[in-house]
Amino acid sequence: MNKSACDYIQLRDVQLPVPIYLRTDAWKRTNRPQPATFSVRISYPATLIALAAENDTVGHTLNYGTLYRSIESAIISSNKEAVADENAEDPTKRPSYSKDIVDIARTISDAAYKVLWSEIGPIERDKDDPIFKDSWFTGKKEEITVDLHLPKAILRAERGLYCSLITRERRFREHVSMDYDLTVRIEGIRCACFVGVNPHERKDKQIVELALTFRDSKEGYLGRMIPKQYQTMVSTVAESVDKTSYKTVEALATHAARIVLVQFELDEVTVRVEKPSAMAFVAFSGLEITRTASFFGVTHPPA
């Protein structure tokens, strides 16, 4: 059996029937449920998918229902840890409300990973079976991608908070480690300001829409480059942009990047600025920049 590329099993655009709990909601209140949708994509040995197709049986593939129920159960268990017990007499025994969107994404990823190996682990075949020559096994291609969307997480972000987490297992001799590619994005930050070089753009404020993106790719500790104070950061950026009067979106984007990197002690941010009203037949016109703290002459202490 020739080596083959990975196949993928996925659940897309899942509307969770149970709410999730983060550190705070859009109004900075603790212990408030909010809606979420997610997608999960799991790499799977192509040889096993081929066997399932050849025999027209589910014995060699991953059960979608099991995957969904396992994720739902993990979310419910996570909620039990997050929701304070109002009857607890000892405040120190109550949850600390420390969860953020990255923690939720990891909960989903961990649940999917357990299902993956619960399905593949019981395969009763000789170690020399050609199936194990699949590149998924030989190349250690276990990979799980979770896309999570919280549409109402941030008050000034109309399209909400997004998180994309890619998890890969890496093996070296007896050591197993997890690699992560993490992206957190805040979409639809709407502000009203003076921006543009045309005479009519200097007379009235126009709506501009910002997006902030943060990335982290590391082995081991996850999320040190990701902001924890989403609501405060977005409010600070939006209120500052509302007061600006730049002629270019380049200057406006740099202004927003400076606030994020200097005031919130982050090392890198990607800022997108768009003007939906600038051109009659163009939905959005603008630009995207990526800046580091060093660009503004700032260094932050190690996390």
Foldseek 3Di string as FASTA:
>chain_A
DDADDWDKDKDPFAWQPFFAAALAAQVRHHQDTATKTKMKIWTDFPVLVVVCVVVVHCLSDADPVQLVVLLNVLRVVVRVLRHFDPPDPDPVPGHPRHGDPVNSQVSSVVSNVVSRCVSVVVPDDDPPPCSCVHCVNVVQFTKMKMKMFGCRRHDQQNRGKIKIKIWGWDDDPPDIWIKIKIKIKGWFRKAWAQEADDPVSQPGTAIKIKMKMWIDTDIDDPDPQPADPVHVLSVVLRVVLNYDHYHALVVSQVVSFQSCCPVRVHFKMKMWMWGCPPDDPDRTDTDIDMDGSVVVPDDHPDD
